[in-house]
Structures are given as structure tokens and as C-alpha cells.
Amino acid sequence: MHLHHYIFYSMVGIEVLLLIPFFLNFRFLNKEERVIFAYAIANAFMGVVSDIIARIYHNNMIFITAMMLVQFFILTIFYINVLKHPKAKKILQMILGATFILCVVDFAILEGPFVFNSIFISFRTFVLIIYGVIFFLQLMRDESLIEQSIYINTLPAFWFNAGLFVSLCCSFPLDLCFNFLQKGPPGEELLSIFRVTASLTWSGGIFQAILFYIGLLKIKGVRR
């Protein structure tokens, strides 16, 4: 196995282990924190099942596209809950509908079901990165936090958003180029690009799990 394989299996193992403290402290979670728990479950499920499908059928692209859409739906719910401006919530709902349409078109017409749907997935990742930036800016400008002398790094949502932001930024290069790598002529150069971008993607997944755990520890009532 190559390095990126070890990173992938390490990421999946950590994601599965992360579910244990979330499950044990489920009663302390509020609405948006339970959404993050749902996302963590989807992450672990995607990692385990995609590997099984790849080993059996040698192509897991349909499953990957479906799970990317599910994750986008879950994270849109998270950002609708944490963003305060009513117009922002409505815009996120509209973008969710538009992204679903793009997914269907990309899957059925543009790129097809048996390759990585880079158009949909790149758009989805870019949109989620923008959501993360908007939420960071909201926290920095939140006068109610300043008045109550609350530091943003004491908020669980800050750490959850940080984990998402790191993971999404790390996965964006692979999201952009993976379809090209699949369709390109076999060769060491393209294989090297895949190994680097895949390693970056799955390293981002490990950092995301670590930051999620830190966020969990910030929740009132959770034992350290």
C-alpha cells in the first residue's frame, strides 16, 4: 500500500471512533450539534461503505456522488441553523435546490454516473467553503458575544466550522481534478497527482475529526 492508503484508513478509523463520544454525550447536544453528529455518521458511513463497494465492484462513483449530495444537505441544515440573517437562510435553501438540480444534470448528462462528478462536487465544496467564511465573519462581528465577553474559540460551532473549513479546503484540489485524472491516459505523472491530492484530502479529514472532537469538548455538560 502507498502512503495515501494509510492516510485513508487512518481517517476512516478516526471518523468511526469519533462517533463514540458523540453518541455517549448525545443528550447534551443542541440542534446544530446534532446535525454535526449526523454529518459525522455520514462521513464514517461513506468511508467504510465506499471502500467495500470499490473492492467488490471496482467502481464506487455512484455511491460517492449520492453521499456528497447527502452531506451537502446535512451541512446546509447546519449553516441554516447557525447563520442569523433571515435572508441568508432563504438563500441557502435556494442554493440547496439549485445544487440538487446540478447534481442530477451532472450525473445523468454532463459527466455520467460511473465517473467522479467533478462539476457538481467542486461546486458543492466551493459553496460550503463560502458558507464557512460567512459564519467566521458572523462570529467576529457578533456584538452580543463581545458584550458578554464570550470568546469565539469557546463556542462548539466555531470548532465544527473550523473542521469543515479545513477539510473542504484540503479536498477542493482533488474535487477539481479527479474526473480529469480518471479520464486521462494512465501514467506515473497523473498517478502522482492523484496520490498527492488524495493524501491532502484525507489528511484534511483527519484534522476535521480532531477539530470536531475539540468542539464536542466545548459543549456544556460533556465530560473531558
C-alpha atoms as a PDB file:
ATOM      1  CA  MET A   1       0.000   0.000   0.000  1.00  0.00           C
ATOM      2  CA  HIS A   2       1.062   3.569  -0.638  1.00  0.00           C
ATOM      3  CA  LEU A   3       1.040   6.438   1.849  1.00  0.00           C
ATOM      4  CA  HIS A   4      -2.355   7.747   0.725  1.00  0.00           C
ATOM      5  CA  HIS A   5      -3.906   4.351   1.522  1.00  0.00           C
ATOM      6  CA  TYR A   6      -2.598   4.504   5.094  1.00  0.00           C
ATOM      7  CA  ILE A   7      -3.901   8.061   5.445  1.00  0.00           C
ATOM      8  CA  PHE A   8      -7.328   6.998   4.143  1.00  0.00           C
ATOM      9  CA  TYR A   9      -7.684   4.066   6.538  1.00  0.00           C
ATOM     10  CA  SER A  10      -6.417   6.211   9.421  1.00  0.00           C
ATOM     11  CA  MET A  11      -9.042   8.838   8.577  1.00  0.00           C
ATOM     12  CA  VAL A  12     -11.857   6.280   8.422  1.00  0.00           C
ATOM     13  CA  GLY A  13     -10.775   4.719  11.711  1.00  0.00           C
ATOM     14  CA  ILE A  14     -10.672   8.095  13.454  1.00  0.00           C
ATOM     15  CA  GLU A  15     -14.067   9.054  11.993  1.00  0.00           C
ATOM     16  CA  VAL A  16     -15.603   5.837  13.338  1.00  0.00           C
ATOM     17  CA  LEU A  17     -14.035   6.352  16.777  1.00  0.00           C
ATOM     18  CA  LEU A  18     -15.306   9.947  16.837  1.00  0.00           C
ATOM     19  CA  LEU A  19     -18.879   8.644  16.829  1.00  0.00           C
ATOM     20  CA  ILE A  20     -18.414   7.095  20.288  1.00  0.00           C
ATOM     21  CA  PRO A  21     -18.052  10.337  22.327  1.00  0.00           C
ATOM     22  CA  PHE A  22     -20.773  11.990  20.258  1.00  0.00           C
ATOM     23  CA  PHE A  23     -23.128   9.083  20.983  1.00  0.00           C
ATOM     24  CA  LEU A  24     -22.274   8.994  24.702  1.00  0.00           C
ATOM     25  CA  ASN A  25     -22.958  12.730  25.045  1.00  0.00           C
ATOM     26  CA  PHE A  26     -25.944  12.905  22.701  1.00  0.00           C
ATOM     27  CA  ARG A  27     -28.258  14.287  25.413  1.00  0.00           C
ATOM     28  CA  PHE A  28     -26.074  17.387  25.755  1.00  0.00           C
ATOM     29  CA  LEU A  29     -26.198  18.261  22.052  1.00  0.00           C
ATOM     30  CA  ASN A  30     -28.375  21.089  20.772  1.00  0.00           C
ATOM     31  CA  LYS A  31     -29.972  21.194  17.334  1.00  0.00           C
ATOM     32  CA  GLU A  32     -26.954  22.239  15.247  1.00  0.00           C
ATOM     33  CA  GLU A  33     -24.637  19.965  17.240  1.00  0.00           C
ATOM     34  CA  ARG A  34     -26.885  17.003  16.453  1.00  0.00           C
ATOM     35  CA  VAL A  35     -26.689  17.972  12.792  1.00  0.00           C
ATOM     36  CA  ILE A  36     -22.893  17.783  13.031  1.00  0.00           C
ATOM     37  CA  PHE A  37     -23.270  14.358  14.653  1.00  0.00           C
ATOM     38  CA  ALA A  38     -25.405  13.300  11.671  1.00  0.00           C
ATOM     39  CA  TYR A  39     -22.677  14.590   9.352  1.00  0.00           C
ATOM     40  CA  ALA A  40     -20.040  12.644  11.302  1.00  0.00           C
ATOM     41  CA  ILE A  41     -22.146   9.484  10.892  1.00  0.00           C
ATOM     42  CA  ALA A  42     -22.468  10.150   7.150  1.00  0.00           C
ATOM     43  CA  ASN A  43     -18.690  10.649   6.911  1.00  0.00           C
ATOM     44  CA  ALA A  44     -17.872   7.383   8.656  1.00  0.00           C
ATOM     45  CA  PHE A  45     -20.525   5.502   6.662  1.00  0.00           C
ATOM     46  CA  MET A  46     -19.198   6.925   3.403  1.00  0.00           C
ATOM     47  CA  GLY A  47     -15.619   5.972   4.207  1.00  0.00           C
ATOM     48  CA  VAL A  48     -16.420   2.372   5.176  1.00  0.00           C
ATOM     49  CA  VAL A  49     -19.013   1.591   2.504  1.00  0.00           C
ATOM     50  CA  SER A  50     -17.179   3.300  -0.375  1.00  0.00           C
ATOM     51  CA  ASP A  51     -14.126   1.137   0.312  1.00  0.00           C
ATOM     52  CA  ILE A  52     -16.256  -2.027   0.388  1.00  0.00           C
ATOM     53  CA  ILE A  53     -18.011  -1.120  -2.878  1.00  0.00           C
ATOM     54  CA  ALA A  54     -14.682  -0.293  -4.542  1.00  0.00           C
ATOM     55  CA  ARG A  55     -13.253  -3.677  -3.548  1.00  0.00           C
ATOM     56  CA  ILE A  56     -16.301  -5.610  -4.781  1.00  0.00           C
ATOM     57  CA  TYR A  57     -17.356  -3.683  -7.896  1.00  0.00           C
ATOM     58  CA  HIS A  58     -14.178  -1.656  -8.634  1.00  0.00           C
ATOM     59  CA  ASN A  59     -16.299   1.492  -9.084  1.00  0.00           C
ATOM     60  CA  ASN A  60     -17.955   3.420  -6.252  1.00  0.00           C
ATOM     61  CA  MET A  61     -18.678   6.665  -8.089  1.00  0.00           C
ATOM     62  CA  ILE A  62     -22.491   6.412  -7.897  1.00  0.00           C
ATOM     63  CA  PHE A  63     -22.269   5.952  -4.132  1.00  0.00           C
ATOM     64  CA  ILE A  64     -19.744   8.798  -3.787  1.00  0.00           C
ATOM     65  CA  THR A  65     -21.997  11.226  -5.681  1.00  0.00           C
ATOM     66  CA  ALA A  66     -25.040  10.225  -3.623  1.00  0.00           C
ATOM     67  CA  MET A  67     -23.177  10.673  -0.332  1.00  0.00           C
ATOM     68  CA  MET A  68     -21.733  14.020  -1.414  1.00  0.00           C
ATOM     69  CA  LEU A  69     -25.303  15.196  -2.003  1.00  0.00           C
ATOM     70  CA  VAL A  70     -26.432  13.847   1.376  1.00  0.00           C
ATOM     71  CA  GLN A  71     -23.522  15.602   3.094  1.00  0.00           C
ATOM     72  CA  PHE A  72     -24.357  18.849   1.328  1.00  0.00           C
ATOM     73  CA  PHE A  73     -27.959  18.580   2.511  1.00  0.00           C
ATOM     74  CA  ILE A  74     -26.844  17.958   6.118  1.00  0.00           C
ATOM     75  CA  LEU A  75     -24.327  20.815   6.132  1.00  0.00           C
ATOM     76  CA  THR A  76     -26.836  23.200   4.572  1.00  0.00           C
ATOM     77  CA  ILE A  77     -29.126  22.453   7.527  1.00  0.00           C
ATOM     78  CA  PHE A  78     -26.201  23.180   9.878  1.00  0.00           C
ATOM     79  CA  TYR A  79     -25.480  26.556   8.311  1.00  0.00           C
ATOM     80  CA  ILE A  80     -29.176  27.462   8.151  1.00  0.00           C
ATOM     81  CA  ASN A  81     -29.230  26.906  11.925  1.00  0.00           C
ATOM     82  CA  VAL A  82     -26.077  28.867  12.774  1.00  0.00           C
ATOM     83  CA  LEU A  83     -26.398  31.795  10.358  1.00  0.00           C
ATOM     84  CA  LYS A  84     -28.576  34.503  11.870  1.00  0.00           C
ATOM     85  CA  HIS A  85     -29.700  36.625   8.925  1.00  0.00           C
ATOM     86  CA  PRO A  86     -33.154  35.523   7.641  1.00  0.00           C
ATOM     87  CA  LYS A  87     -32.221  36.342   4.033  1.00  0.00           C
ATOM     88  CA  ALA A  88     -29.122  34.161   4.317  1.00  0.00           C
ATOM     89  CA  LYS A  89     -31.279  31.230   5.426  1.00  0.00           C
ATOM     90  CA  LYS A  90     -33.557  31.669   2.400  1.00  0.00           C
ATOM     91  CA  ILE A  91     -30.599  31.963   0.031  1.00  0.00           C
ATOM     92  CA  LEU A  92     -29.131  28.733   1.418  1.00  0.00           C
ATOM     93  CA  GLN A  93     -32.424  26.957   0.766  1.00  0.00           C
ATOM     94  CA  MET A  94     -32.424  28.212  -2.823  1.00  0.00           C
ATOM     95  CA  ILE A  95     -28.809  27.139  -3.334  1.00  0.00           C
ATOM     96  CA  LEU A  96     -29.682  23.692  -1.975  1.00  0.00           C
ATOM     97  CA  GLY A  97     -32.354  23.308  -4.649  1.00  0.00           C
ATOM     98  CA  ALA A  98     -30.049  24.579  -7.400  1.00  0.00           C
ATOM     99  CA  THR A  99     -27.259  22.244  -6.279  1.00  0.00           C
ATOM    100  CA  PHE A 100     -29.600  19.260  -6.351  1.00  0.00           C
ATOM    101  CA  ILE A 101     -30.546  20.112  -9.943  1.00  0.00           C
ATOM    102  CA  LEU A 102     -26.857  20.476 -10.874  1.00  0.00           C
ATOM    103  CA  CYS A 103     -26.145  17.084  -9.298  1.00  0.00           C
ATOM    104  CA  VAL A 104     -28.873  15.395 -11.347  1.00  0.00           C
ATOM    105  CA  VAL A 105     -27.752  17.067 -14.593  1.00  0.00           C
ATOM    106  CA  ASP A 106     -24.069  16.287 -14.000  1.00  0.00           C
ATOM    107  CA  PHE A 107     -24.860  12.691 -13.004  1.00  0.00           C
ATOM    108  CA  ALA A 108     -27.270  11.974 -15.856  1.00  0.00           C
ATOM    109  CA  ILE A 109     -25.986  14.117 -18.735  1.00  0.00           C
ATOM    110  CA  LEU A 110     -22.706  16.008 -18.342  1.00  0.00           C
ATOM    111  CA  GLU A 111     -20.223  13.546 -16.839  1.00  0.00           C
ATOM    112  CA  GLY A 112     -22.194  10.376 -16.203  1.00  0.00           C
ATOM    113  CA  PRO A 113     -22.759   8.039 -13.259  1.00  0.00           C
ATOM    114  CA  PHE A 114     -19.583   5.956 -13.423  1.00  0.00           C
ATOM    115  CA  VAL A 115     -17.007   8.745 -13.110  1.00  0.00           C
ATOM    116  CA  PHE A 116     -16.319  11.336 -10.447  1.00  0.00           C
ATOM    117  CA  ASN A 117     -18.846  14.164 -10.923  1.00  0.00           C
ATOM    118  CA  SER A 118     -16.316  16.985 -10.616  1.00  0.00           C
ATOM    119  CA  ILE A 119     -18.691  19.744 -11.745  1.00  0.00           C
ATOM    120  CA  PHE A 120     -21.272  19.068  -9.030  1.00  0.00           C
ATOM    121  CA  ILE A 121     -18.803  18.116  -6.306  1.00  0.00           C
ATOM    122  CA  SER A 122     -16.458  21.069  -6.957  1.00  0.00           C
ATOM    123  CA  PHE A 123     -19.421  23.460  -6.877  1.00  0.00           C
ATOM    124  CA  ARG A 124     -20.702  21.844  -3.682  1.00  0.00           C
ATOM    125  CA  THR A 125     -17.307  22.119  -1.992  1.00  0.00           C
ATOM    126  CA  PHE A 126     -16.790  25.738  -3.079  1.00  0.00           C
ATOM    127  CA  VAL A 127     -20.240  26.738  -1.804  1.00  0.00           C
ATOM    128  CA  LEU A 128     -19.590  25.108   1.576  1.00  0.00           C
ATOM    129  CA  ILE A 129     -16.247  26.921   1.864  1.00  0.00           C
ATOM    130  CA  ILE A 130     -18.090  30.207   1.281  1.00  0.00           C
ATOM    131  CA  TYR A 131     -20.619  29.264   3.970  1.00  0.00           C
ATOM    132  CA  GLY A 132     -17.753  28.644   6.376  1.00  0.00           C
ATOM    133  CA  VAL A 133     -16.186  32.033   5.651  1.00  0.00           C
ATOM    134  CA  ILE A 134     -19.540  33.779   6.148  1.00  0.00           C
ATOM    135  CA  PHE A 135     -20.015  32.069   9.516  1.00  0.00           C
ATOM    136  CA  PHE A 136     -16.495  33.048  10.644  1.00  0.00           C
ATOM    137  CA  LEU A 137     -17.251  36.667   9.738  1.00  0.00           C
ATOM    138  CA  GLN A 138     -20.554  36.494  11.612  1.00  0.00           C
ATOM    139  CA  LEU A 139     -18.783  35.291  14.761  1.00  0.00           C
ATOM    140  CA  MET A 140     -16.134  38.006  14.523  1.00  0.00           C
ATOM    141  CA  ARG A 141     -18.780  40.725  14.169  1.00  0.00           C
ATOM    142  CA  ASP A 142     -21.271  39.371  16.710  1.00  0.00           C
ATOM    143  CA  GLU A 143     -21.744  42.219  19.181  1.00  0.00           C
ATOM    144  CA  SER A 144     -23.692  40.010  21.600  1.00  0.00           C
ATOM    145  CA  LEU A 145     -20.596  37.847  22.079  1.00  0.00           C
ATOM    146  CA  ILE A 146     -18.469  40.936  22.698  1.00  0.00           C
ATOM    147  CA  GLU A 147     -20.970  42.318  25.230  1.00  0.00           C
ATOM    148  CA  GLN A 148     -20.990  39.020  27.136  1.00  0.00           C
ATOM    149  CA  SER A 149     -17.177  38.693  26.913  1.00  0.00           C
ATOM    150  CA  ILE A 150     -17.516  35.352  25.130  1.00  0.00           C
ATOM    151  CA  TYR A 151     -14.505  34.271  23.084  1.00  0.00           C
ATOM    152  CA  ILE A 152     -15.415  32.606  19.810  1.00  0.00           C
ATOM    153  CA  ASN A 153     -12.982  29.742  20.468  1.00  0.00           C
ATOM    154  CA  THR A 154     -15.159  28.684  23.412  1.00  0.00           C
ATOM    155  CA  LEU A 155     -18.096  28.023  21.073  1.00  0.00           C
ATOM    156  CA  PRO A 156     -18.565  24.452  19.774  1.00  0.00           C
ATOM    157  CA  ALA A 157     -19.864  25.765  16.438  1.00  0.00           C
ATOM    158  CA  PHE A 158     -16.575  27.631  15.913  1.00  0.00           C
ATOM    159  CA  TRP A 159     -14.615  24.373  16.089  1.00  0.00           C
ATOM    160  CA  PHE A 160     -17.114  22.439  13.992  1.00  0.00           C
ATOM    161  CA  ASN A 161     -16.938  25.130  11.326  1.00  0.00           C
ATOM    162  CA  ALA A 162     -13.138  25.172  11.527  1.00  0.00           C
ATOM    163  CA  GLY A 163     -13.045  21.415  10.979  1.00  0.00           C
ATOM    164  CA  LEU A 164     -15.355  21.658   7.993  1.00  0.00           C
ATOM    165  CA  PHE A 165     -13.362  24.551   6.533  1.00  0.00           C
ATOM    166  CA  VAL A 166     -10.027  22.724   6.801  1.00  0.00           C
ATOM    167  CA  SER A 167     -11.417  19.513   5.316  1.00  0.00           C
ATOM    168  CA  LEU A 168     -13.213  21.254   2.452  1.00  0.00           C
ATOM    169  CA  CYS A 169     -10.177  23.354   1.522  1.00  0.00           C
ATOM    170  CA  CYS A 170      -7.973  20.245   1.532  1.00  0.00           C
ATOM    171  CA  SER A 171     -10.405  18.284  -0.655  1.00  0.00           C
ATOM    172  CA  PHE A 172     -11.034  21.063  -3.186  1.00  0.00           C
ATOM    173  CA  PRO A 173      -7.963  20.324  -5.404  1.00  0.00           C
ATOM    174  CA  LEU A 174      -8.964  16.653  -5.768  1.00  0.00           C
ATOM    175  CA  ASP A 175     -12.600  17.612  -6.385  1.00  0.00           C
ATOM    176  CA  LEU A 176     -11.488  19.811  -9.271  1.00  0.00           C
ATOM    177  CA  CYS A 177      -9.152  17.378 -10.991  1.00  0.00           C
ATOM    178  CA  PHE A 178     -10.278  13.841 -10.144  1.00  0.00           C
ATOM    179  CA  ASN A 179     -12.521  13.482 -13.201  1.00  0.00           C
ATOM    180  CA  PHE A 180      -9.599  14.564 -15.401  1.00  0.00           C
ATOM    181  CA  LEU A 181      -7.313  12.087 -13.640  1.00  0.00           C
ATOM    182  CA  GLN A 182      -9.807   9.264 -14.237  1.00  0.00           C
ATOM    183  CA  LYS A 183     -10.153  10.019 -17.943  1.00  0.00           C
ATOM    184  CA  GLY A 184      -6.507  10.852 -18.595  1.00  0.00           C
ATOM    185  CA  PRO A 185      -4.014   8.389 -20.082  1.00  0.00           C
ATOM    186  CA  PRO A 186      -2.510   6.035 -17.481  1.00  0.00           C
ATOM    187  CA  GLY A 187       0.895   7.216 -16.390  1.00  0.00           C
ATOM    188  CA  GLU A 188       3.106   7.917 -13.400  1.00  0.00           C
ATOM    189  CA  GLU A 189       2.552  11.686 -13.603  1.00  0.00           C
ATOM    190  CA  LEU A 190      -1.242  11.506 -13.209  1.00  0.00           C
ATOM    191  CA  LEU A 191      -0.879   8.818 -10.560  1.00  0.00           C
ATOM    192  CA  SER A 192       1.472  11.077  -8.594  1.00  0.00           C
ATOM    193  CA  ILE A 193      -1.008  13.965  -8.800  1.00  0.00           C
ATOM    194  CA  PHE A 194      -3.757  11.684  -7.500  1.00  0.00           C
ATOM    195  CA  ARG A 195      -1.627  10.422  -4.614  1.00  0.00           C
ATOM    196  CA  VAL A 196      -0.742  13.953  -3.523  1.00  0.00           C
ATOM    197  CA  THR A 197      -4.278  15.365  -3.787  1.00  0.00           C
ATOM    198  CA  ALA A 198      -5.833  12.262  -2.205  1.00  0.00           C
ATOM    199  CA  SER A 199      -3.360  12.411   0.686  1.00  0.00           C
ATOM    200  CA  LEU A 200      -4.226  16.078   1.185  1.00  0.00           C
ATOM    201  CA  THR A 201      -7.959  15.296   1.108  1.00  0.00           C
ATOM    202  CA  TRP A 202      -7.786  12.503   3.651  1.00  0.00           C
ATOM    203  CA  SER A 203      -5.346  14.392   5.884  1.00  0.00           C
ATOM    204  CA  GLY A 204      -7.951  17.150   5.941  1.00  0.00           C
ATOM    205  CA  GLY A 205     -10.484  14.548   7.056  1.00  0.00           C
ATOM    206  CA  ILE A 206      -8.248  13.617   9.997  1.00  0.00           C
ATOM    207  CA  PHE A 207      -7.875  17.261  11.038  1.00  0.00           C
ATOM    208  CA  GLN A 208     -11.638  17.690  10.712  1.00  0.00           C
ATOM    209  CA  ALA A 209     -12.257  14.818  13.129  1.00  0.00           C
ATOM    210  CA  ILE A 210      -9.776  16.290  15.630  1.00  0.00           C
ATOM    211  CA  LEU A 211     -11.414  19.728  15.476  1.00  0.00           C
ATOM    212  CA  PHE A 212     -14.866  18.133  15.797  1.00  0.00           C
ATOM    213  CA  TYR A 213     -13.692  16.426  18.984  1.00  0.00           C
ATOM    214  CA  ILE A 214     -12.404  19.729  20.364  1.00  0.00           C
ATOM    215  CA  GLY A 215     -15.791  21.260  19.540  1.00  0.00           C
ATOM    216  CA  LEU A 216     -17.528  18.409  21.356  1.00  0.00           C
ATOM    217  CA  LEU A 217     -15.457  19.114  24.468  1.00  0.00           C
ATOM    218  CA  LYS A 218     -16.638  22.737  24.407  1.00  0.00           C
ATOM    219  CA  ILE A 219     -20.272  21.653  24.865  1.00  0.00           C
ATOM    220  CA  LYS A 220     -21.576  22.279  28.357  1.00  0.00           C
ATOM    221  CA  GLY A 221     -22.029  19.040  30.274  1.00  0.00           C
ATOM    222  CA  VAL A 222     -19.635  16.952  28.202  1.00  0.00           C
ATOM    223  CA  ARG A 223     -17.002  15.224  30.319  1.00  0.00           C
ATOM    224  CA  ARG A 224     -13.388  15.818  29.394  1.00  0.00           C
END
